[in-house]
Amino acid sequence: MLPHFLPTRKSPMTGLGVVFRPQLPPERLRAVARVADDAGLEELWLWEDCFLEGGISTAAAALAWTERVRVGVGLLPVPLRNVALTAMEAASLHRMFPGRARLVVGHGVQDWMGQVGARAASPLTLLGEHLDALRALLRGERLTVRGRYVCLDDVALDWPPEGPAPVLAGATGPRTLRLSGARADGTVLTASTSPDGVRQARRLIEEGQKEAGRGEPHQVVVYLLAATGAGADARLRAELVAEGLGPTSGAGVAGDADAVAAAVRRLAEAGADTVVLQPTGDEPDPEGFVRFAAEEVRPLVP
């Protein structure tokens, strides 16, 4: 059994992971997860994108199919979830698979939230209330809360996690980054974040920490859009165009292990603790991409 992940402990090396993108059918996850485990990949990340695949259900399956790889869900949209349910599901994962689950909450894509009638008038207020309540419940506290969005009456988990259960927040804008620094245990940044963007995010996170009187280390996870093998340049360009990003954005990398590792190192030098390789949506060999990350890129990243 692995030790609990401690959000206050700085890893001696940059963490490396890969996203299982929900453009793949959920039944494909088992094979990818097992390859990740067998190849020695540190982290496998999942998305709860509307209306593709559920984050908790896929995380539970991936954890059950594997023995050592950590599984992150980045992210769970808080407008879709009552915080008590988020806490119950998170606690169950942490108790069943100690030290192997990493959960991230965030605003969610606002258009998607509107489609399901869950769009909040103040996403920032909702996220802050959700973070405060979720972290307290996972610490085993009993809560009565009367917030704008989060309302709890004498609620406590019967089975809280037995060890640390860090909660990360997905963030892009300045106000959300400051909020994450003040009220989350770590921050996840999107694949559109350049090294300069990581530095700026770190500054904003630290501002939030300072305002909240927090001094503990804050984990920063960054996605990196990456392509390798035949047609890598074309696939990367197509994905960047689809995301509205140009070649000068500093986002994404195409090439061999040396090129990808160099891009990972640039993000780490800018302040990323973990870099998660995000294959293109049309990656032709997801299992091969996982092996590439674990066996070829990892040895080149200190």
C-alpha atoms as a PDB file:
ATOM      1  CA  MET A   1       0.000   0.000   0.000  1.00  0.00           C
ATOM      2  CA  LEU A   2       1.371   3.423  -0.945  1.00  0.00           C
ATOM      3  CA  PRO A   3       1.733   6.184   1.672  1.00  0.00           C
ATOM      4  CA  HIS A   4      -0.838   8.940   1.719  1.00  0.00           C
ATOM      5  CA  PHE A   5      -0.192  11.837  -0.641  1.00  0.00           C
ATOM      6  CA  LEU A   6       0.716  14.801   1.538  1.00  0.00           C
ATOM      7  CA  PRO A   7      -0.083  18.201   0.033  1.00  0.00           C
ATOM      8  CA  THR A   8       2.525  19.873   2.226  1.00  0.00           C
ATOM      9  CA  ARG A   9       5.409  17.693   1.058  1.00  0.00           C
ATOM     10  CA  LYS A  10       7.438  18.890  -1.953  1.00  0.00           C
ATOM     11  CA  SER A  11       8.268  15.976  -4.232  1.00  0.00           C
ATOM     12  CA  PRO A  12      11.985  15.618  -5.029  1.00  0.00           C
ATOM     13  CA  MET A  13      11.096  15.266  -8.713  1.00  0.00           C
ATOM     14  CA  THR A  14       8.500  16.572 -11.115  1.00  0.00           C
ATOM     15  CA  GLY A  15       5.409  14.372 -11.189  1.00  0.00           C
ATOM     16  CA  LEU A  16       4.368  13.047 -14.601  1.00  0.00           C
ATOM     17  CA  GLY A  17       0.971  11.814 -15.714  1.00  0.00           C
ATOM     18  CA  VAL A  18      -1.221  11.187 -18.749  1.00  0.00           C
ATOM     19  CA  VAL A  19      -4.876  11.999 -19.403  1.00  0.00           C
ATOM     20  CA  PHE A  20      -7.316   9.311 -20.477  1.00  0.00           C
ATOM     21  CA  ARG A  21      -9.494  11.586 -22.579  1.00  0.00           C
ATOM     22  CA  PRO A  22     -13.237  10.934 -22.498  1.00  0.00           C
ATOM     23  CA  GLN A  23     -13.355  11.100 -26.285  1.00  0.00           C
ATOM     24  CA  LEU A  24     -12.438   7.425 -25.883  1.00  0.00           C
ATOM     25  CA  PRO A  25     -15.307   5.109 -24.927  1.00  0.00           C
ATOM     26  CA  PRO A  26     -15.345   4.213 -21.210  1.00  0.00           C
ATOM     27  CA  GLU A  27     -14.810   0.522 -21.921  1.00  0.00           C
ATOM     28  CA  ARG A  28     -11.352   1.435 -23.265  1.00  0.00           C
ATOM     29  CA  LEU A  29     -10.248   2.694 -19.837  1.00  0.00           C
ATOM     30  CA  ARG A  30      -9.403  -0.718 -18.424  1.00  0.00           C
ATOM     31  CA  ALA A  31      -6.691  -1.435 -20.973  1.00  0.00           C
ATOM     32  CA  VAL A  32      -5.172   2.048 -20.683  1.00  0.00           C
ATOM     33  CA  ALA A  33      -5.196   1.948 -16.877  1.00  0.00           C
ATOM     34  CA  ARG A  34      -3.492  -1.436 -16.782  1.00  0.00           C
ATOM     35  CA  VAL A  35      -0.810  -0.293 -19.192  1.00  0.00           C
ATOM     36  CA  ALA A  36      -0.233   2.771 -16.992  1.00  0.00           C
ATOM     37  CA  ASP A  37       0.153   0.571 -13.933  1.00  0.00           C
ATOM     38  CA  ASP A  38       2.429  -1.967 -15.641  1.00  0.00           C
ATOM     39  CA  ALA A  39       4.608   0.695 -17.290  1.00  0.00           C
ATOM     40  CA  GLY A  40       5.221   2.517 -14.002  1.00  0.00           C
ATOM     41  CA  LEU A  41       3.363   5.721 -14.882  1.00  0.00           C
ATOM     42  CA  GLU A  42       2.869   7.803 -11.755  1.00  0.00           C
ATOM     43  CA  GLU A  43      -0.524   9.344 -12.463  1.00  0.00           C
ATOM     44  CA  LEU A  44      -3.484   8.685 -14.754  1.00  0.00           C
ATOM     45  CA  TRP A  45      -5.941  11.572 -15.034  1.00  0.00           C
ATOM     46  CA  LEU A  46      -9.619  11.526 -16.014  1.00  0.00           C
ATOM     47  CA  TRP A  47     -12.083  14.261 -16.958  1.00  0.00           C
ATOM     48  CA  GLU A  48     -15.740  14.684 -16.059  1.00  0.00           C
ATOM     49  CA  ASP A  49     -16.665  16.459 -19.276  1.00  0.00           C
ATOM     50  CA  CYS A  50     -20.322  16.894 -20.193  1.00  0.00           C
ATOM     51  CA  PHE A  51     -21.761  14.742 -21.562  1.00  0.00           C
ATOM     52  CA  LEU A  52     -19.104  12.088 -21.917  1.00  0.00           C
ATOM     53  CA  GLU A  53     -18.055  10.181 -18.784  1.00  0.00           C
ATOM     54  CA  GLY A  54     -18.532  10.468 -15.026  1.00  0.00           C
ATOM     55  CA  GLY A  55     -15.438  11.305 -13.002  1.00  0.00           C
ATOM     56  CA  ILE A  56     -16.055   9.295  -9.827  1.00  0.00           C
ATOM     57  CA  SER A  57     -17.324   6.173 -11.576  1.00  0.00           C
ATOM     58  CA  THR A  58     -14.365   6.032 -13.952  1.00  0.00           C
ATOM     59  CA  ALA A  59     -11.893   6.817 -11.158  1.00  0.00           C
ATOM     60  CA  ALA A  60     -13.258   4.015  -8.983  1.00  0.00           C
ATOM     61  CA  ALA A  61     -12.980   1.563 -11.865  1.00  0.00           C
ATOM     62  CA  ALA A  62      -9.450   2.633 -12.777  1.00  0.00           C
ATOM     63  CA  LEU A  63      -8.323   2.363  -9.164  1.00  0.00           C
ATOM     64  CA  ALA A  64      -9.863  -1.089  -8.810  1.00  0.00           C
ATOM     65  CA  TRP A  65      -8.180  -2.327 -12.002  1.00  0.00           C
ATOM     66  CA  THR A  66      -4.721  -1.185 -10.875  1.00  0.00           C
ATOM     67  CA  GLU A  67      -2.381  -1.545  -7.918  1.00  0.00           C
ATOM     68  CA  ARG A  68      -0.096   1.487  -7.758  1.00  0.00           C
ATOM     69  CA  VAL A  69      -0.865   4.292 -10.231  1.00  0.00           C
ATOM     70  CA  ARG A  70      -2.490   7.366  -8.723  1.00  0.00           C
ATOM     71  CA  VAL A  71      -5.739   8.418 -10.385  1.00  0.00           C
ATOM     72  CA  GLY A  72      -6.766  12.053 -10.635  1.00  0.00           C
ATOM     73  CA  VAL A  73     -10.114  13.508 -11.632  1.00  0.00           C
ATOM     74  CA  GLY A  74      -9.656  16.964 -13.035  1.00  0.00           C
ATOM     75  CA  LEU A  75     -12.212  18.209 -12.614  1.00  0.00           C
ATOM     76  CA  LEU A  76     -15.594  17.698 -10.939  1.00  0.00           C
ATOM     77  CA  PRO A  77     -17.907  20.655 -11.787  1.00  0.00           C
ATOM     78  CA  VAL A  78     -19.325  21.897  -8.494  1.00  0.00           C
ATOM     79  CA  PRO A  79     -22.642  23.165  -9.958  1.00  0.00           C
ATOM     80  CA  LEU A  80     -23.522  19.540 -10.731  1.00  0.00           C
ATOM     81  CA  ARG A  81     -22.801  18.251  -7.219  1.00  0.00           C
ATOM     82  CA  ASN A  82     -24.158  18.675  -3.731  1.00  0.00           C
ATOM     83  CA  VAL A  83     -21.064  19.010  -1.555  1.00  0.00           C
ATOM     84  CA  ALA A  84     -22.181  16.222   0.782  1.00  0.00           C
ATOM     85  CA  LEU A  85     -22.277  13.817  -2.173  1.00  0.00           C
ATOM     86  CA  THR A  86     -18.847  14.983  -3.339  1.00  0.00           C
ATOM     87  CA  ALA A  87     -17.501  14.367   0.164  1.00  0.00           C
ATOM     88  CA  MET A  88     -19.088  10.911   0.454  1.00  0.00           C
ATOM     89  CA  GLU A  89     -17.675   9.782  -2.883  1.00  0.00           C
ATOM     90  CA  ALA A  90     -14.259  11.299  -2.236  1.00  0.00           C
ATOM     91  CA  ALA A  91     -14.036   9.734   1.216  1.00  0.00           C
ATOM     92  CA  SER A  92     -14.966   6.324  -0.173  1.00  0.00           C
ATOM     93  CA  LEU A  93     -12.192   6.507  -2.768  1.00  0.00           C
ATOM     94  CA  HIS A  94      -9.623   7.632  -0.212  1.00  0.00           C
ATOM     95  CA  ARG A  95     -10.539   4.832   2.206  1.00  0.00           C
ATOM     96  CA  MET A  96     -10.671   2.090  -0.424  1.00  0.00           C
ATOM     97  CA  PHE A  97      -7.520   3.223  -2.232  1.00  0.00           C
ATOM     98  CA  PRO A  98      -5.408   5.137   0.317  1.00  0.00           C
ATOM     99  CA  GLY A  99      -3.010   7.654  -1.171  1.00  0.00           C
ATOM    100  CA  ARG A 100      -4.018   6.974  -4.773  1.00  0.00           C
ATOM    101  CA  ALA A 101      -6.910   9.379  -5.500  1.00  0.00           C
ATOM    102  CA  ARG A 102      -6.472  13.045  -6.457  1.00  0.00           C
ATOM    103  CA  LEU A 103      -9.699  15.011  -6.795  1.00  0.00           C
ATOM    104  CA  VAL A 104     -10.151  18.445  -8.313  1.00  0.00           C
ATOM    105  CA  VAL A 105     -13.249  20.639  -8.224  1.00  0.00           C
ATOM    106  CA  GLY A 106     -13.988  23.662 -10.345  1.00  0.00           C
ATOM    107  CA  HIS A 107     -16.528  25.912 -12.026  1.00  0.00           C
ATOM    108  CA  GLY A 108     -17.173  23.612 -14.970  1.00  0.00           C
ATOM    109  CA  VAL A 109     -17.793  24.906 -18.481  1.00  0.00           C
ATOM    110  CA  GLN A 110     -20.503  27.509 -18.037  1.00  0.00           C
ATOM    111  CA  ASP A 111     -22.339  26.671 -21.276  1.00  0.00           C
ATOM    112  CA  TRP A 112     -22.580  23.048 -20.159  1.00  0.00           C
ATOM    113  CA  MET A 113     -23.814  24.096 -16.732  1.00  0.00           C
ATOM    114  CA  GLY A 114     -26.476  26.163 -18.460  1.00  0.00           C
ATOM    115  CA  GLN A 115     -27.561  23.193 -20.550  1.00  0.00           C
ATOM    116  CA  VAL A 116     -28.453  21.225 -17.419  1.00  0.00           C
ATOM    117  CA  GLY A 117     -30.005  24.135 -15.531  1.00  0.00           C
ATOM    118  CA  ALA A 118     -27.163  24.329 -13.007  1.00  0.00           C
ATOM    119  CA  ARG A 119     -25.400  27.544 -13.988  1.00  0.00           C
ATOM    120  CA  ALA A 120     -24.629  29.614 -10.899  1.00  0.00           C
ATOM    121  CA  ALA A 121     -25.083  33.377 -10.801  1.00  0.00           C
ATOM    122  CA  SER A 122     -21.771  33.623  -8.908  1.00  0.00           C
ATOM    123  CA  PRO A 123     -19.480  30.700  -9.819  1.00  0.00           C
ATOM    124  CA  LEU A 124     -16.720  32.094  -7.601  1.00  0.00           C
ATOM    125  CA  THR A 125     -18.950  32.158  -4.515  1.00  0.00           C
ATOM    126  CA  LEU A 126     -20.167  28.642  -5.211  1.00  0.00           C
ATOM    127  CA  LEU A 127     -16.638  27.279  -5.633  1.00  0.00           C
ATOM    128  CA  GLY A 128     -15.424  28.935  -2.446  1.00  0.00           C
ATOM    129  CA  GLU A 129     -18.314  27.595  -0.380  1.00  0.00           C
ATOM    130  CA  HIS A 130     -17.901  24.124  -1.881  1.00  0.00           C
ATOM    131  CA  LEU A 131     -14.160  24.058  -1.191  1.00  0.00           C
ATOM    132  CA  ASP A 132     -14.572  25.149   2.419  1.00  0.00           C
ATOM    133  CA  ALA A 133     -17.278  22.606   3.170  1.00  0.00           C
ATOM    134  CA  LEU A 134     -15.658  19.749   1.252  1.00  0.00           C
ATOM    135  CA  ARG A 135     -12.278  20.115   2.920  1.00  0.00           C
ATOM    136  CA  ALA A 136     -13.901  20.353   6.364  1.00  0.00           C
ATOM    137  CA  LEU A 137     -16.057  17.263   5.815  1.00  0.00           C
ATOM    138  CA  LEU A 138     -13.039  15.283   4.610  1.00  0.00           C
ATOM    139  CA  ARG A 139     -11.223  16.314   7.796  1.00  0.00           C
ATOM    140  CA  GLY A 140     -14.038  14.648   9.749  1.00  0.00           C
ATOM    141  CA  GLU A 141     -15.699  17.846  10.948  1.00  0.00           C
ATOM    142  CA  ARG A 142     -19.420  18.227  11.618  1.00  0.00           C
ATOM    143  CA  LEU A 143     -20.886  21.198   9.767  1.00  0.00           C
ATOM    144  CA  THR A 144     -23.883  23.471   9.869  1.00  0.00           C
ATOM    145  CA  VAL A 145     -23.594  25.967   7.021  1.00  0.00           C
ATOM    146  CA  ARG A 146     -25.982  28.565   5.633  1.00  0.00           C
ATOM    147  CA  GLY A 147     -24.255  29.890   2.549  1.00  0.00           C
ATOM    148  CA  ARG A 148     -25.561  31.318  -0.690  1.00  0.00           C
ATOM    149  CA  TYR A 149     -25.213  27.920  -2.362  1.00  0.00           C
ATOM    150  CA  VAL A 150     -24.002  25.428   0.245  1.00  0.00           C
ATOM    151  CA  CYS A 151     -26.457  24.628   3.030  1.00  0.00           C
ATOM    152  CA  LEU A 152     -25.736  21.865   5.519  1.00  0.00           C
ATOM    153  CA  ASP A 153     -27.527  21.027   8.762  1.00  0.00           C
ATOM    154  CA  ASP A 154     -25.456  19.028  11.250  1.00  0.00           C
ATOM    155  CA  VAL A 155     -23.669  17.022   8.533  1.00  0.00           C
ATOM    156  CA  ALA A 156     -20.633  14.808   9.142  1.00  0.00           C
ATOM    157  CA  LEU A 157     -19.214  11.805   7.338  1.00  0.00           C
ATOM    158  CA  ASP A 158     -19.523   8.481   9.117  1.00  0.00           C
ATOM    159  CA  TRP A 159     -16.485   7.226   7.199  1.00  0.00           C
ATOM    160  CA  PRO A 160     -14.133  10.160   6.644  1.00  0.00           C
ATOM    161  CA  PRO A 161     -10.702   9.472   5.164  1.00  0.00           C
ATOM    162  CA  GLU A 162      -8.208   7.995   7.589  1.00  0.00           C
ATOM    163  CA  GLY A 163      -5.382  10.165   6.238  1.00  0.00           C
ATOM    164  CA  PRO A 164      -4.875  13.384   4.295  1.00  0.00           C
ATOM    165  CA  ALA A 165      -7.399  13.970   1.512  1.00  0.00           C
ATOM    166  CA  PRO A 166      -6.208  17.030  -0.421  1.00  0.00           C
ATOM    167  CA  VAL A 167      -8.718  18.906  -2.548  1.00  0.00           C
ATOM    168  CA  LEU A 168      -7.431  20.773  -5.588  1.00  0.00           C
ATOM    169  CA  ALA A 169      -9.216  23.456  -7.598  1.00  0.00           C
ATOM    170  CA  GLY A 170      -9.192  23.991 -11.324  1.00  0.00           C
ATOM    171  CA  ALA A 171      -8.499  27.630 -12.106  1.00  0.00           C
ATOM    172  CA  THR A 172      -7.723  29.973 -14.977  1.00  0.00           C
ATOM    173  CA  GLY A 173      -8.755  33.546 -14.162  1.00  0.00           C
ATOM    174  CA  PRO A 174      -7.029  35.738 -11.567  1.00  0.00           C
ATOM    175  CA  ARG A 175      -9.881  35.683  -9.045  1.00  0.00           C
ATOM    176  CA  THR A 176     -10.202  31.901  -9.165  1.00  0.00           C
ATOM    177  CA  LEU A 177      -6.434  31.466  -8.853  1.00  0.00           C
ATOM    178  CA  ARG A 178      -6.396  33.656  -5.749  1.00  0.00           C
ATOM    179  CA  LEU A 179      -9.366  31.722  -4.378  1.00  0.00           C
ATOM    180  CA  SER A 180      -7.550  28.448  -4.954  1.00  0.00           C
ATOM    181  CA  GLY A 181      -4.526  29.723  -3.068  1.00  0.00           C
ATOM    182  CA  ALA A 182      -6.715  30.783  -0.172  1.00  0.00           C
ATOM    183  CA  ARG A 183      -9.055  27.796   0.048  1.00  0.00           C
ATOM    184  CA  ALA A 184      -7.704  24.742  -1.834  1.00  0.00           C
ATOM    185  CA  ASP A 185      -4.746  22.404  -1.333  1.00  0.00           C
ATOM    186  CA  GLY A 186      -3.534  22.732  -4.898  1.00  0.00           C
ATOM    187  CA  THR A 187      -4.396  24.090  -8.335  1.00  0.00           C
ATOM    188  CA  VAL A 188      -4.833  22.499 -11.748  1.00  0.00           C
ATOM    189  CA  LEU A 189      -4.060  24.603 -14.833  1.00  0.00           C
ATOM    190  CA  THR A 190      -5.288  23.898 -18.349  1.00  0.00           C
ATOM    191  CA  ALA A 191      -3.201  22.873 -21.352  1.00  0.00           C
ATOM    192  CA  SER A 192      -3.383  26.432 -22.690  1.00  0.00           C
ATOM    193  CA  THR A 193      -1.004  27.532 -19.903  1.00  0.00           C
ATOM    194  CA  SER A 194       2.483  28.519 -21.056  1.00  0.00           C
ATOM    195  CA  PRO A 195       5.508  28.584 -18.731  1.00  0.00           C
ATOM    196  CA  ASP A 196       4.941  32.322 -18.260  1.00  0.00           C
ATOM    197  CA  GLY A 197       1.333  31.512 -17.453  1.00  0.00           C
ATOM    198  CA  VAL A 198       2.468  29.089 -14.770  1.00  0.00           C
ATOM    199  CA  ARG A 199       4.651  31.778 -13.216  1.00  0.00           C
ATOM    200  CA  GLN A 200       1.773  34.251 -13.210  1.00  0.00           C
ATOM    201  CA  ALA A 201      -0.561  31.631 -11.746  1.00  0.00           C
ATOM    202  CA  ARG A 202       1.945  30.939  -8.974  1.00  0.00           C
ATOM    203  CA  ARG A 203       2.049  34.633  -8.120  1.00  0.00           C
ATOM    204  CA  LEU A 204      -1.736  34.873  -7.928  1.00  0.00           C
ATOM    205  CA  ILE A 205      -1.998  31.684  -5.879  1.00  0.00           C
ATOM    206  CA  GLU A 206       0.589  33.033  -3.444  1.00  0.00           C
ATOM    207  CA  GLU A 207      -1.384  36.269  -3.153  1.00  0.00           C
ATOM    208  CA  GLY A 208      -4.428  34.242  -2.152  1.00  0.00           C
ATOM    209  CA  GLN A 209      -2.404  32.223   0.330  1.00  0.00           C
ATOM    210  CA  LYS A 210      -0.992  35.356   1.904  1.00  0.00           C
ATOM    211  CA  GLU A 211      -4.409  36.988   2.223  1.00  0.00           C
ATOM    212  CA  ALA A 212      -5.717  33.835   3.923  1.00  0.00           C
ATOM    213  CA  GLY A 213      -2.703  33.518   6.206  1.00  0.00           C
ATOM    214  CA  ARG A 214      -1.664  30.186   4.701  1.00  0.00           C
ATOM    215  CA  GLY A 215       1.997  29.263   4.351  1.00  0.00           C
ATOM    216  CA  GLU A 216       2.026  25.579   3.425  1.00  0.00           C
ATOM    217  CA  PRO A 217       3.267  24.439  -0.002  1.00  0.00           C
ATOM    218  CA  HIS A 218       0.590  24.485  -2.690  1.00  0.00           C
ATOM    219  CA  GLN A 219       0.649  21.814  -5.393  1.00  0.00           C
ATOM    220  CA  VAL A 220       0.367  23.029  -9.002  1.00  0.00           C
ATOM    221  CA  VAL A 221      -0.623  20.552 -11.717  1.00  0.00           C
ATOM    222  CA  VAL A 222      -0.444  21.603 -15.383  1.00  0.00           C
ATOM    223  CA  TYR A 223      -1.780  19.818 -18.434  1.00  0.00           C
ATOM    224  CA  LEU A 224       0.505  19.761 -21.479  1.00  0.00           C
ATOM    225  CA  LEU A 225      -0.993  19.021 -24.890  1.00  0.00           C
ATOM    226  CA  ALA A 226       1.427  16.579 -26.507  1.00  0.00           C
ATOM    227  CA  ALA A 227       1.660  14.535 -29.701  1.00  0.00           C
ATOM    228  CA  THR A 228       4.245  12.061 -30.878  1.00  0.00           C
ATOM    229  CA  GLY A 229       4.716   9.617 -33.705  1.00  0.00           C
ATOM    230  CA  ALA A 230       3.347   9.795 -37.237  1.00  0.00           C
ATOM    231  CA  GLY A 231       1.408  12.972 -37.998  1.00  0.00           C
ATOM    232  CA  ALA A 232       2.196  14.513 -34.597  1.00  0.00           C
ATOM    233  CA  ASP A 233       2.715  18.063 -35.905  1.00  0.00           C
ATOM    234  CA  ALA A 234      -0.529  18.055 -37.885  1.00  0.00           C
ATOM    235  CA  ARG A 235      -2.549  16.590 -35.008  1.00  0.00           C
ATOM    236  CA  LEU A 236      -1.162  19.151 -32.570  1.00  0.00           C
ATOM    237  CA  ARG A 237      -1.856  22.074 -34.926  1.00  0.00           C
ATOM    238  CA  ALA A 238      -5.423  20.899 -35.500  1.00  0.00           C
ATOM    239  CA  GLU A 239      -6.055  20.633 -31.765  1.00  0.00           C
ATOM    240  CA  LEU A 240      -4.599  24.076 -31.066  1.00  0.00           C
ATOM    241  CA  VAL A 241      -6.776  25.605 -33.787  1.00  0.00           C
ATOM    242  CA  ALA A 242      -9.848  23.861 -32.354  1.00  0.00           C
ATOM    243  CA  GLU A 243      -9.026  25.363 -28.945  1.00  0.00           C
ATOM    244  CA  GLY A 244      -8.523  28.825 -30.409  1.00  0.00           C
ATOM    245  CA  LEU A 245      -4.791  28.804 -29.735  1.00  0.00           C
ATOM    246  CA  GLY A 246      -2.101  29.882 -32.174  1.00  0.00           C
ATOM    247  CA  PRO A 247       1.452  28.657 -32.713  1.00  0.00           C
ATOM    248  CA  THR A 248       2.798  31.561 -30.630  1.00  0.00           C
ATOM    249  CA  SER A 249       0.680  30.685 -27.580  1.00  0.00           C
ATOM    250  CA  GLY A 250       3.449  28.581 -26.040  1.00  0.00           C
ATOM    251  CA  ALA A 251       0.991  25.727 -25.579  1.00  0.00           C
ATOM    252  CA  GLY A 252       1.586  22.173 -26.711  1.00  0.00           C
ATOM    253  CA  VAL A 253       4.497  20.149 -28.013  1.00  0.00           C
ATOM    254  CA  ALA A 254       4.950  17.683 -30.855  1.00  0.00           C
ATOM    255  CA  GLY A 255       7.942  15.412 -31.308  1.00  0.00           C
ATOM    256  CA  ASP A 256       9.985  12.666 -29.737  1.00  0.00           C
ATOM    257  CA  ALA A 257      10.696  12.031 -26.063  1.00  0.00           C
ATOM    258  CA  ASP A 258      13.449  14.667 -25.960  1.00  0.00           C
ATOM    259  CA  ALA A 259      11.093  17.360 -27.251  1.00  0.00           C
ATOM    260  CA  VAL A 260       8.259  16.418 -24.891  1.00  0.00           C
ATOM    261  CA  ALA A 261      10.595  16.143 -21.896  1.00  0.00           C
ATOM    262  CA  ALA A 262      12.038  19.577 -22.651  1.00  0.00           C
ATOM    263  CA  ALA A 263       8.522  21.062 -22.631  1.00  0.00           C
ATOM    264  CA  VAL A 264       7.784  19.311 -19.327  1.00  0.00           C
ATOM    265  CA  ARG A 265      10.990  20.704 -17.817  1.00  0.00           C
ATOM    266  CA  ARG A 266      10.081  24.248 -18.904  1.00  0.00           C
ATOM    267  CA  LEU A 267       6.762  23.993 -17.070  1.00  0.00           C
ATOM    268  CA  ALA A 268       8.464  22.508 -14.010  1.00  0.00           C
ATOM    269  CA  GLU A 269      11.045  25.286 -13.950  1.00  0.00           C
ATOM    270  CA  ALA A 270       8.182  27.792 -14.084  1.00  0.00           C
ATOM    271  CA  GLY A 271       6.587  26.283 -10.969  1.00  0.00           C
ATOM    272  CA  ALA A 272       4.646  23.141 -11.903  1.00  0.00           C
ATOM    273  CA  ASP A 273       4.885  20.264  -9.423  1.00  0.00           C
ATOM    274  CA  THR A 274       3.188  17.797 -11.776  1.00  0.00           C
ATOM    275  CA  VAL A 275       2.829  17.878 -15.558  1.00  0.00           C
ATOM    276  CA  VAL A 276       0.088  15.765 -17.104  1.00  0.00           C
ATOM    277  CA  LEU A 277       0.515  14.939 -20.779  1.00  0.00           C
ATOM    278  CA  GLN A 278      -2.725  15.498 -22.663  1.00  0.00           C
ATOM    279  CA  PRO A 279      -2.843  13.521 -25.925  1.00  0.00           C
ATOM    280  CA  THR A 280      -4.768  14.932 -28.843  1.00  0.00           C
ATOM    281  CA  GLY A 281      -8.395  13.903 -29.090  1.00  0.00           C
ATOM    282  CA  ASP A 282      -7.542  11.748 -32.114  1.00  0.00           C
ATOM    283  CA  GLU A 283      -4.475  10.050 -30.587  1.00  0.00           C
ATOM    284  CA  PRO A 284      -4.268   6.794 -32.592  1.00  0.00           C
ATOM    285  CA  ASP A 285      -2.620   4.681 -29.863  1.00  0.00           C
ATOM    286  CA  PRO A 286      -3.625   5.667 -26.292  1.00  0.00           C
ATOM    287  CA  GLU A 287      -1.871   2.668 -24.733  1.00  0.00           C
ATOM    288  CA  GLY A 288       1.273   3.403 -26.725  1.00  0.00           C
ATOM    289  CA  PHE A 289       1.127   7.044 -25.622  1.00  0.00           C
ATOM    290  CA  VAL A 290       1.072   5.929 -21.980  1.00  0.00           C
ATOM    291  CA  ARG A 291       4.103   3.692 -22.553  1.00  0.00           C
ATOM    292  CA  PHE A 292       5.873   6.567 -24.333  1.00  0.00           C
ATOM    293  CA  ALA A 293       5.310   8.831 -21.321  1.00  0.00           C
ATOM    294  CA  ALA A 294       6.360   6.270 -18.724  1.00  0.00           C
ATOM    295  CA  GLU A 295       9.264   4.606 -20.500  1.00  0.00           C
ATOM    296  CA  GLU A 296      10.715   7.343 -22.720  1.00  0.00           C
ATOM    297  CA  VAL A 297       9.764  10.755 -21.287  1.00  0.00           C
ATOM    298  CA  ARG A 298       9.959   9.973 -17.562  1.00  0.00           C
ATOM    299  CA  PRO A 299      13.697   9.123 -17.555  1.00  0.00           C
ATOM    300  CA  LEU A 300      14.398  12.549 -19.104  1.00  0.00           C
ATOM    301  CA  VAL A 301      12.482  14.536 -16.465  1.00  0.00           C
ATOM    302  CA  PRO A 302      14.248  15.091 -13.133  1.00  0.00           C
END
